[in-house]
Amino acid sequence: MSRSLKKGPFVDKRIIGKLQKRKAEDRSPIKTWSRNSTISPEMIGSTFEVHNGKSFIKTLVTDEMVGHKLGEFAPTRKFVRHGGKLQKEVDAKKS
């Protein structure tokens, strides 16, 4: 469910503070655990390290990402693949 328009988008105060203190030429990533923060236009061009529960995923913010959440770009589950015995036979035929 989306956030109320009356309230506006949520962006963590610490992220806003780090962006404002940052110099324009500084390209070091901003480390954050705030996956629910909405990406705003001020963040374009910045690199974030978003925590996925185990490690930090580097994410470069582009203009297409504005309005999405930071957590959308750091998946929390690793897809191994479908398969089993039948999938091994298919892979063996391909190679």
PDB file of N, CA and C in Angstrom:
ATOM      1  N   MET A   1       0.841  -1.177   0.000  1.00  0.00           N
ATOM      2  CA  MET A   1       0.000   0.000   0.000  1.00  0.00           C
ATOM      3  C   MET A   1       0.890   1.246   0.000  1.00  0.00           C
ATOM      4  N   SER A   2       0.550   2.200  -0.813  1.00  0.00           N
ATOM      5  CA  SER A   2       1.395   3.383  -0.933  1.00  0.00           C
ATOM      6  C   SER A   2       1.138   4.370   0.206  1.00  0.00           C
ATOM      7  N   ARG A   3       2.053   5.277   0.364  1.00  0.00           N
ATOM      8  CA  ARG A   3       1.967   6.274   1.425  1.00  0.00           C
ATOM      9  C   ARG A   3       0.995   7.381   1.012  1.00  0.00           C
ATOM     10  N   SER A   4       0.360   7.980   1.990  1.00  0.00           N
ATOM     11  CA  SER A   4      -0.608   9.044   1.744  1.00  0.00           C
ATOM     12  C   SER A   4       0.062  10.250   1.063  1.00  0.00           C
ATOM     13  N   LEU A   5      -0.609  10.850   0.108  1.00  0.00           N
ATOM     14  CA  LEU A   5      -0.070  12.032  -0.576  1.00  0.00           C
ATOM     15  C   LEU A   5       0.056  13.206   0.390  1.00  0.00           C
ATOM     16  N   LYS A   6      -0.811  13.237   1.387  1.00  0.00           N
ATOM     17  CA  LYS A   6      -0.774  14.309   2.380  1.00  0.00           C
ATOM     18  C   LYS A   6       0.541  14.278   3.170  1.00  0.00           C
ATOM     19  N   LYS A   7       1.035  13.072   3.457  1.00  0.00           N
ATOM     20  CA  LYS A   7       2.270  12.923   4.225  1.00  0.00           C
ATOM     21  C   LYS A   7       3.511  13.143   3.382  1.00  0.00           C
ATOM     22  N   GLY A   8       3.466  12.809   2.115  1.00  0.00           N
ATOM     23  CA  GLY A   8       4.639  12.938   1.258  1.00  0.00           C
ATOM     24  C   GLY A   8       5.523  11.714   1.345  1.00  0.00           C
ATOM     25  N   PRO A   9       6.534  11.627   0.496  1.00  0.00           N
ATOM     26  CA  PRO A   9       7.405  10.447   0.490  1.00  0.00           C
ATOM     27  C   PRO A   9       8.308  10.406   1.723  1.00  0.00           C
ATOM     28  N   PHE A  10       8.638   9.208   2.165  1.00  0.00           N
ATOM     29  CA  PHE A  10       9.525   9.037   3.319  1.00  0.00           C
ATOM     30  C   PHE A  10      10.966   8.918   2.844  1.00  0.00           C
ATOM     31  N   VAL A  11      11.819   9.757   3.392  1.00  0.00           N
ATOM     32  CA  VAL A  11      13.262   9.654   3.183  1.00  0.00           C
ATOM     33  C   VAL A  11      13.895   9.788   4.556  1.00  0.00           C
ATOM     34  N   ASP A  12      14.768   8.854   4.915  1.00  0.00           N
ATOM     35  CA  ASP A  12      15.406   8.852   6.226  1.00  0.00           C
ATOM     36  C   ASP A  12      16.195  10.143   6.438  1.00  0.00           C
ATOM     37  N   LYS A  13      16.086  10.708   7.638  1.00  0.00           N
ATOM     38  CA  LYS A  13      16.769  11.970   7.957  1.00  0.00           C
ATOM     39  C   LYS A  13      18.280  11.850   7.847  1.00  0.00           C
ATOM     40  N   ARG A  14      18.803  10.686   8.202  1.00  0.00           N
ATOM     41  CA  ARG A  14      20.258  10.489   8.139  1.00  0.00           C
ATOM     42  C   ARG A  14      20.766  10.518   6.699  1.00  0.00           C
ATOM     43  N   ILE A  15      19.972   9.978   5.771  1.00  0.00           N
ATOM     44  CA  ILE A  15      20.374   9.987   4.356  1.00  0.00           C
ATOM     45  C   ILE A  15      20.380  11.414   3.826  1.00  0.00           C
ATOM     46  N   ILE A  16      19.362  12.185   4.175  1.00  0.00           N
ATOM     47  CA  ILE A  16      19.294  13.584   3.739  1.00  0.00           C
ATOM     48  C   ILE A  16      20.487  14.363   4.287  1.00  0.00           C
ATOM     49  N   GLY A  17      20.811  14.138   5.557  1.00  0.00           N
ATOM     50  CA  GLY A  17      21.953  14.820   6.176  1.00  0.00           C
ATOM     51  C   GLY A  17      23.263  14.465   5.505  1.00  0.00           C
ATOM     52  N   LYS A  18      23.464  13.196   5.200  1.00  0.00           N
ATOM     53  CA  LYS A  18      24.696  12.769   4.538  1.00  0.00           C
ATOM     54  C   LYS A  18      24.795  13.353   3.137  1.00  0.00           C
ATOM     55  N   LEU A  19      23.666  13.461   2.429  1.00  0.00           N
ATOM     56  CA  LEU A  19      23.685  14.044   1.082  1.00  0.00           C
ATOM     57  C   LEU A  19      24.017  15.529   1.131  1.00  0.00           C
ATOM     58  N   GLN A  20      23.513  16.238   2.130  1.00  0.00           N
ATOM     59  CA  GLN A  20      23.756  17.671   2.221  1.00  0.00           C
ATOM     60  C   GLN A  20      25.191  17.979   2.646  1.00  0.00           C
ATOM     61  N   LYS A  21      25.774  17.149   3.516  1.00  0.00           N
ATOM     62  CA  LYS A  21      27.148  17.369   3.977  1.00  0.00           C
ATOM     63  C   LYS A  21      28.174  17.011   2.919  1.00  0.00           C
ATOM     64  N   ARG A  22      27.774  16.221   1.981  1.00  0.00           N
ATOM     65  CA  ARG A  22      28.667  15.695   0.960  1.00  0.00           C
ATOM     66  C   ARG A  22      29.095  16.757  -0.042  1.00  0.00           C
ATOM     67  N   LYS A  23      30.327  16.688  -0.479  1.00  0.00           N
ATOM     68  CA  LYS A  23      30.805  17.597  -1.525  1.00  0.00           C
ATOM     69  C   LYS A  23      30.418  17.038  -2.888  1.00  0.00           C
ATOM     70  N   ALA A  24      30.331  17.884  -3.889  1.00  0.00           N
ATOM     71  CA  ALA A  24      29.896  17.473  -5.228  1.00  0.00           C
ATOM     72  C   ALA A  24      30.851  16.465  -5.864  1.00  0.00           C
ATOM     73  N   GLU A  25      32.146  16.607  -5.625  1.00  0.00           N
ATOM     74  CA  GLU A  25      33.112  15.714  -6.262  1.00  0.00           C
ATOM     75  C   GLU A  25      33.301  14.404  -5.496  1.00  0.00           C
ATOM     76  N   ASP A  26      32.723  14.290  -4.316  1.00  0.00           N
ATOM     77  CA  ASP A  26      32.851  13.076  -3.500  1.00  0.00           C
ATOM     78  C   ASP A  26      31.995  11.955  -4.095  1.00  0.00           C
ATOM     79  N   ARG A  27      32.623  10.841  -4.437  1.00  0.00           N
ATOM     80  CA  ARG A  27      31.926   9.706  -5.056  1.00  0.00           C
ATOM     81  C   ARG A  27      31.891   8.482  -4.151  1.00  0.00           C
ATOM     82  N   SER A  28      32.246   8.637  -2.875  1.00  0.00           N
ATOM     83  CA  SER A  28      32.219   7.491  -1.973  1.00  0.00           C
ATOM     84  C   SER A  28      30.768   7.084  -1.706  1.00  0.00           C
ATOM     85  N   PRO A  29      30.512   5.781  -1.577  1.00  0.00           N
ATOM     86  CA  PRO A  29      29.133   5.322  -1.373  1.00  0.00           C
ATOM     87  C   PRO A  29      28.610   5.665   0.020  1.00  0.00           C
ATOM     88  N   ILE A  30      27.312   5.861   0.103  1.00  0.00           N
ATOM     89  CA  ILE A  30      26.636   6.126   1.367  1.00  0.00           C
ATOM     90  C   ILE A  30      26.049   4.811   1.848  1.00  0.00           C
ATOM     91  N   LYS A  31      26.474   4.355   3.011  1.00  0.00           N
ATOM     92  CA  LYS A  31      26.021   3.080   3.563  1.00  0.00           C
ATOM     93  C   LYS A  31      24.712   3.308   4.314  1.00  0.00           C
ATOM     94  N   THR A  32      23.693   2.487   4.030  1.00  0.00           N
ATOM     95  CA  THR A  32      22.406   2.667   4.687  1.00  0.00           C
ATOM     96  C   THR A  32      21.703   1.335   4.928  1.00  0.00           C
ATOM     97  N   TRP A  33      20.935   1.309   5.989  1.00  0.00           N
ATOM     98  CA  TRP A  33      20.074   0.176   6.304  1.00  0.00           C
ATOM     99  C   TRP A  33      18.621   0.535   6.002  1.00  0.00           C
ATOM    100  N   SER A  34      18.360   1.763   5.596  1.00  0.00           N
ATOM    101  CA  SER A  34      16.998   2.258   5.374  1.00  0.00           C
ATOM    102  C   SER A  34      16.506   1.861   3.986  1.00  0.00           C
ATOM    103  N   ARG A  35      15.967   0.644   3.892  1.00  0.00           N
ATOM    104  CA  ARG A  35      15.476   0.125   2.623  1.00  0.00           C
ATOM    105  C   ARG A  35      14.146   0.779   2.215  1.00  0.00           C
ATOM    106  N   ASN A  36      13.428   1.333   3.187  1.00  0.00           N
ATOM    107  CA  ASN A  36      12.114   1.896   2.900  1.00  0.00           C
ATOM    108  C   ASN A  36      12.155   3.369   2.508  1.00  0.00           C
ATOM    109  N   SER A  37      13.336   3.937   2.357  1.00  0.00           N
ATOM    110  CA  SER A  37      13.448   5.342   1.932  1.00  0.00           C
ATOM    111  C   SER A  37      13.164   5.470   0.449  1.00  0.00           C
ATOM    112  N   THR A  38      12.375   6.470   0.096  1.00  0.00           N
ATOM    113  CA  THR A  38      12.043   6.740  -1.298  1.00  0.00           C
ATOM    114  C   THR A  38      13.190   7.509  -1.950  1.00  0.00           C
ATOM    115  N   ILE A  39      13.494   7.170  -3.182  1.00  0.00           N
ATOM    116  CA  ILE A  39      14.564   7.852  -3.917  1.00  0.00           C
ATOM    117  C   ILE A  39      14.025   9.181  -4.435  1.00  0.00           C
ATOM    118  N   SER A  40      14.721  10.267  -4.096  1.00  0.00           N
ATOM    119  CA  SER A  40      14.311  11.607  -4.519  1.00  0.00           C
ATOM    120  C   SER A  40      15.274  12.121  -5.597  1.00  0.00           C
ATOM    121  N   PRO A  41      14.894  13.175  -6.308  1.00  0.00           N
ATOM    122  CA  PRO A  41      15.756  13.703  -7.379  1.00  0.00           C
ATOM    123  C   PRO A  41      17.131  14.174  -6.897  1.00  0.00           C
ATOM    124  N   GLU A  42      17.260  14.544  -5.616  1.00  0.00           N
ATOM    125  CA  GLU A  42      18.562  14.988  -5.098  1.00  0.00           C
ATOM    126  C   GLU A  42      19.570  13.844  -5.035  1.00  0.00           C
ATOM    127  N   MET A  43      19.090  12.616  -5.058  1.00  0.00           N
ATOM    128  CA  MET A  43      19.959  11.444  -4.922  1.00  0.00           C
ATOM    129  C   MET A  43      20.551  10.980  -6.254  1.00  0.00           C
ATOM    130  N   ILE A  44      20.113  11.542  -7.366  1.00  0.00           N
ATOM    131  CA  ILE A  44      20.574  11.093  -8.682  1.00  0.00           C
ATOM    132  C   ILE A  44      22.088  11.283  -8.792  1.00  0.00           C
ATOM    133  N   GLY A  45      22.760  10.228  -9.238  1.00  0.00           N
ATOM    134  CA  GLY A  45      24.209  10.255  -9.388  1.00  0.00           C
ATOM    135  C   GLY A  45      24.959   9.768  -8.166  1.00  0.00           C
ATOM    136  N   SER A  46      24.267   9.574  -7.058  1.00  0.00           N
ATOM    137  CA  SER A  46      24.909   9.097  -5.835  1.00  0.00           C
ATOM    138  C   SER A  46      24.955   7.573  -5.823  1.00  0.00           C
ATOM    139  N   THR A  47      25.922   7.047  -5.111  1.00  0.00           N
ATOM    140  CA  THR A  47      26.031   5.609  -4.941  1.00  0.00           C
ATOM    141  C   THR A  47      25.665   5.270  -3.505  1.00  0.00           C
ATOM    142  N   PHE A  48      24.788   4.283  -3.351  1.00  0.00           N
ATOM    143  CA  PHE A  48      24.364   3.831  -2.036  1.00  0.00           C
ATOM    144  C   PHE A  48      24.762   2.385  -1.856  1.00  0.00           C
ATOM    145  N   GLU A  49      25.097   2.027  -0.632  1.00  0.00           N
ATOM    146  CA  GLU A  49      25.289   0.631  -0.265  1.00  0.00           C
ATOM    147  C   GLU A  49      24.097   0.267   0.607  1.00  0.00           C
ATOM    148  N   VAL A  50      23.157  -0.490   0.037  1.00  0.00           N
ATOM    149  CA  VAL A  50      21.909  -0.827   0.709  1.00  0.00           C
ATOM    150  C   VAL A  50      22.048  -2.216   1.319  1.00  0.00           C
ATOM    151  N   HIS A  51      21.698  -2.334   2.594  1.00  0.00           N
ATOM    152  CA  HIS A  51      21.828  -3.606   3.298  1.00  0.00           C
ATOM    153  C   HIS A  51      20.671  -4.527   2.917  1.00  0.00           C
ATOM    154  N   ASN A  52      20.990  -5.787   2.609  1.00  0.00           N
ATOM    155  CA  ASN A  52      19.944  -6.734   2.227  1.00  0.00           C
ATOM    156  C   ASN A  52      19.692  -7.779   3.312  1.00  0.00           C
ATOM    157  N   GLY A  53      20.238  -7.570   4.495  1.00  0.00           N
ATOM    158  CA  GLY A  53      20.071  -8.505   5.584  1.00  0.00           C
ATOM    159  C   GLY A  53      21.323  -9.308   5.840  1.00  0.00           C
ATOM    160  N   LYS A  54      22.188  -9.401   4.854  1.00  0.00           N
ATOM    161  CA  LYS A  54      23.431 -10.152   4.992  1.00  0.00           C
ATOM    162  C   LYS A  54      24.644  -9.308   4.602  1.00  0.00           C
ATOM    163  N   SER A  55      24.530  -8.590   3.497  1.00  0.00           N
ATOM    164  CA  SER A  55      25.649  -7.788   3.012  1.00  0.00           C
ATOM    165  C   SER A  55      25.104  -6.494   2.414  1.00  0.00           C
ATOM    166  N   PHE A  56      26.011  -5.644   1.972  1.00  0.00           N
ATOM    167  CA  PHE A  56      25.622  -4.374   1.363  1.00  0.00           C
ATOM    168  C   PHE A  56      25.732  -4.493  -0.154  1.00  0.00           C
ATOM    169  N   ILE A  57      24.689  -4.058  -0.849  1.00  0.00           N
ATOM    170  CA  ILE A  57      24.631  -4.096  -2.306  1.00  0.00           C
ATOM    171  C   ILE A  57      24.838  -2.673  -2.823  1.00  0.00           C
ATOM    172  N   LYS A  58      25.851  -2.486  -3.688  1.00  0.00           N
ATOM    173  CA  LYS A  58      26.099  -1.162  -4.270  1.00  0.00           C
ATOM    174  C   LYS A  58      25.039  -0.844  -5.309  1.00  0.00           C
ATOM    175  N   THR A  59      24.498   0.372  -5.219  1.00  0.00           N
ATOM    176  CA  THR A  59      23.449   0.814  -6.126  1.00  0.00           C
ATOM    177  C   THR A  59      23.743   2.239  -6.573  1.00  0.00           C
ATOM    178  N   LEU A  60      23.889   2.446  -7.872  1.00  0.00           N
ATOM    179  CA  LEU A  60      24.056   3.784  -8.432  1.00  0.00           C
ATOM    180  C   LEU A  60      22.684   4.303  -8.821  1.00  0.00           C
ATOM    181  N   VAL A  61      22.288   5.436  -8.279  1.00  0.00           N
ATOM    182  CA  VAL A  61      20.949   5.982  -8.505  1.00  0.00           C
ATOM    183  C   VAL A  61      20.918   6.729  -9.833  1.00  0.00           C
ATOM    184  N   THR A  62      19.962   6.361 -10.686  1.00  0.00           N
ATOM    185  CA  THR A  62      19.749   7.040 -11.965  1.00  0.00           C
ATOM    186  C   THR A  62      18.387   7.704 -11.947  1.00  0.00           C
ATOM    187  N   ASP A  63      18.086   8.478 -12.980  1.00  0.00           N
ATOM    188  CA  ASP A  63      16.823   9.229 -13.000  1.00  0.00           C
ATOM    189  C   ASP A  63      15.590   8.336 -13.141  1.00  0.00           C
ATOM    190  N   GLU A  64      15.732   7.112 -13.652  1.00  0.00           N
ATOM    191  CA  GLU A  64      14.581   6.214 -13.759  1.00  0.00           C
ATOM    192  C   GLU A  64      14.158   5.662 -12.404  1.00  0.00           C
ATOM    193  N   MET A  65      15.039   5.740 -11.416  1.00  0.00           N
ATOM    194  CA  MET A  65      14.772   5.174 -10.091  1.00  0.00           C
ATOM    195  C   MET A  65      13.987   6.105  -9.176  1.00  0.00           C
ATOM    196  N   VAL A  66      13.813   7.367  -9.554  1.00  0.00           N
ATOM    197  CA  VAL A  66      13.132   8.333  -8.697  1.00  0.00           C
ATOM    198  C   VAL A  66      11.695   7.870  -8.448  1.00  0.00           C
ATOM    199  N   GLY A  67      11.310   7.882  -7.172  1.00  0.00           N
ATOM    200  CA  GLY A  67       9.977   7.446  -6.783  1.00  0.00           C
ATOM    201  C   GLY A  67       9.933   6.017  -6.278  1.00  0.00           C
ATOM    202  N   HIS A  68      10.978   5.239  -6.551  1.00  0.00           N
ATOM    203  CA  HIS A  68      11.048   3.866  -6.058  1.00  0.00           C
ATOM    204  C   HIS A  68      11.723   3.862  -4.687  1.00  0.00           C
ATOM    205  N   LYS A  69      11.726   2.718  -4.041  1.00  0.00           N
ATOM    206  CA  LYS A  69      12.374   2.567  -2.734  1.00  0.00           C
ATOM    207  C   LYS A  69      13.789   2.013  -2.929  1.00  0.00           C
ATOM    208  N   LEU A  70      14.686   2.334  -2.000  1.00  0.00           N
ATOM    209  CA  LEU A  70      16.058   1.832  -2.086  1.00  0.00           C
ATOM    210  C   LEU A  70      16.104   0.312  -1.998  1.00  0.00           C
ATOM    211  N   GLY A  71      15.228  -0.274  -1.229  1.00  0.00           N
ATOM    212  CA  GLY A  71      15.213  -1.715  -1.040  1.00  0.00           C
ATOM    213  C   GLY A  71      14.858  -2.509  -2.277  1.00  0.00           C
ATOM    214  N   GLU A  72      14.224  -1.871  -3.260  1.00  0.00           N
ATOM    215  CA  GLU A  72      13.861  -2.559  -4.494  1.00  0.00           C
ATOM    216  C   GLU A  72      15.095  -2.970  -5.300  1.00  0.00           C
ATOM    217  N   PHE A  73      16.206  -2.323  -5.063  1.00  0.00           N
ATOM    218  CA  PHE A  73      17.408  -2.562  -5.858  1.00  0.00           C
ATOM    219  C   PHE A  73      18.447  -3.376  -5.102  1.00  0.00           C
ATOM    220  N   ALA A  74      18.063  -3.930  -3.958  1.00  0.00           N
ATOM    221  CA  ALA A  74      18.934  -4.805  -3.180  1.00  0.00           C
ATOM    222  C   ALA A  74      18.124  -6.038  -2.787  1.00  0.00           C
ATOM    223  N   PRO A  75      18.083  -7.050  -3.647  1.00  0.00           N
ATOM    224  CA  PRO A  75      17.248  -8.228  -3.359  1.00  0.00           C
ATOM    225  C   PRO A  75      17.716  -8.957  -2.100  1.00  0.00           C
ATOM    226  N   THR A  76      16.736  -9.433  -1.328  1.00  0.00           N
ATOM    227  CA  THR A  76      17.046 -10.103  -0.066  1.00  0.00           C
ATOM    228  C   THR A  76      17.137 -11.610  -0.223  1.00  0.00           C
ATOM    229  N   ARG A  77      16.630 -12.143  -1.302  1.00  0.00           N
ATOM    230  CA  ARG A  77      16.661 -13.587  -1.522  1.00  0.00           C
ATOM    231  C   ARG A  77      17.470 -13.907  -2.767  1.00  0.00           C
ATOM    232  N   LYS A  78      18.244 -14.973  -2.685  1.00  0.00           N
ATOM    233  CA  LYS A  78      19.082 -15.379  -3.801  1.00  0.00           C
ATOM    234  C   LYS A  78      18.387 -16.509  -4.551  1.00  0.00           C
ATOM    235  N   PHE A  79      18.153 -16.318  -5.844  1.00  0.00           N
ATOM    236  CA  PHE A  79      17.533 -17.355  -6.661  1.00  0.00           C
ATOM    237  C   PHE A  79      18.614 -18.332  -7.094  1.00  0.00           C
ATOM    238  N   VAL A  80      18.487 -19.577  -6.695  1.00  0.00           N
ATOM    239  CA  VAL A  80      19.466 -20.584  -7.078  1.00  0.00           C
ATOM    240  C   VAL A  80      19.110 -21.077  -8.465  1.00  0.00           C
ATOM    241  N   ARG A  81      18.017 -21.762  -8.626  1.00  0.00           N
ATOM    242  CA  ARG A  81      17.409 -22.091  -9.900  1.00  0.00           C
ATOM    243  C   ARG A  81      16.431 -23.227  -9.689  1.00  0.00           C
ATOM    244  N   HIS A  82      15.536 -23.392 -10.622  1.00  0.00           N
ATOM    245  CA  HIS A  82      14.598 -24.497 -10.574  1.00  0.00           C
ATOM    246  C   HIS A  82      15.328 -25.742 -11.052  1.00  0.00           C
ATOM    247  N   GLY A  83      14.777 -26.866 -10.729  1.00  0.00           N
ATOM    248  CA  GLY A  83      15.446 -28.031 -11.271  1.00  0.00           C
ATOM    249  C   GLY A  83      15.227 -29.268 -10.456  1.00  0.00           C
ATOM    250  N   GLY A  84      16.262 -29.974 -10.343  1.00  0.00           N
ATOM    251  CA  GLY A  84      16.230 -31.277  -9.731  1.00  0.00           C
ATOM    252  C   GLY A  84      16.845 -32.242 -10.717  1.00  0.00           C
ATOM    253  N   LYS A  85      16.351 -33.450 -10.722  1.00  0.00           N
ATOM    254  CA  LYS A  85      16.903 -34.490 -11.587  1.00  0.00           C
ATOM    255  C   LYS A  85      16.666 -34.181 -13.068  1.00  0.00           C
ATOM    256  N   LEU A  86      15.471 -33.706 -13.403  1.00  0.00           N
ATOM    257  CA  LEU A  86      15.157 -33.404 -14.808  1.00  0.00           C
ATOM    258  C   LEU A  86      15.995 -32.239 -15.334  1.00  0.00           C
ATOM    259  N   GLN A  87      16.211 -31.239 -14.514  1.00  0.00           N
ATOM    260  CA  GLN A  87      16.990 -30.077 -14.943  1.00  0.00           C
ATOM    261  C   GLN A  87      18.444 -30.460 -15.205  1.00  0.00           C
ATOM    262  N   LYS A  88      18.997 -31.371 -14.421  1.00  0.00           N
ATOM    263  CA  LYS A  88      20.370 -31.820 -14.638  1.00  0.00           C
ATOM    264  C   LYS A  88      20.506 -32.527 -15.983  1.00  0.00           C
ATOM    265  N   GLU A  89      19.488 -33.285 -16.367  1.00  0.00           N
ATOM    266  CA  GLU A  89      19.516 -33.981 -17.666  1.00  0.00           C
ATOM    267  C   GLU A  89      19.471 -32.969 -18.806  1.00  0.00           C
ATOM    268  N   VAL A  90      18.649 -31.936 -18.673  1.00  0.00           N
ATOM    269  CA  VAL A  90      18.552 -30.904 -19.699  1.00  0.00           C
ATOM    270  C   VAL A  90      19.883 -30.170 -19.843  1.00  0.00           C
ATOM    271  N   ASP A  91      20.502 -29.836 -18.715  1.00  0.00           N
ATOM    272  CA  ASP A  91      21.804 -29.150 -18.739  1.00  0.00           C
ATOM    273  C   ASP A  91      22.885 -30.043 -19.345  1.00  0.00           C
ATOM    274  N   ALA A  92      22.835 -31.335 -19.079  1.00  0.00           N
ATOM    275  CA  ALA A  92      23.819 -32.263 -19.635  1.00  0.00           C
ATOM    276  C   ALA A  92      23.695 -32.341 -21.142  1.00  0.00           C
ATOM    277  N   LYS A  93      22.475 -32.300 -21.668  1.00  0.00           N
ATOM    278  CA  LYS A  93      22.264 -32.337 -23.119  1.00  0.00           C
ATOM    279  C   LYS A  93      22.785 -31.085 -23.794  1.00  0.00           C
ATOM    280  N   LYS A  94      22.636 -29.931 -23.129  1.00  0.00           N
ATOM    281  CA  LYS A  94      23.092 -28.667 -23.713  1.00  0.00           C
ATOM    282  C   LYS A  94      24.618 -28.615 -23.823  1.00  0.00           C
ATOM    283  N   SER A  95      25.309 -29.214 -22.866  1.00  0.00           N
ATOM    284  CA  SER A  95      26.780 -29.118 -22.901  1.00  0.00           C
ATOM    285  C   SER A  95      27.437 -30.345 -23.500  1.00  0.00           C
TER     286      SER A  95
END
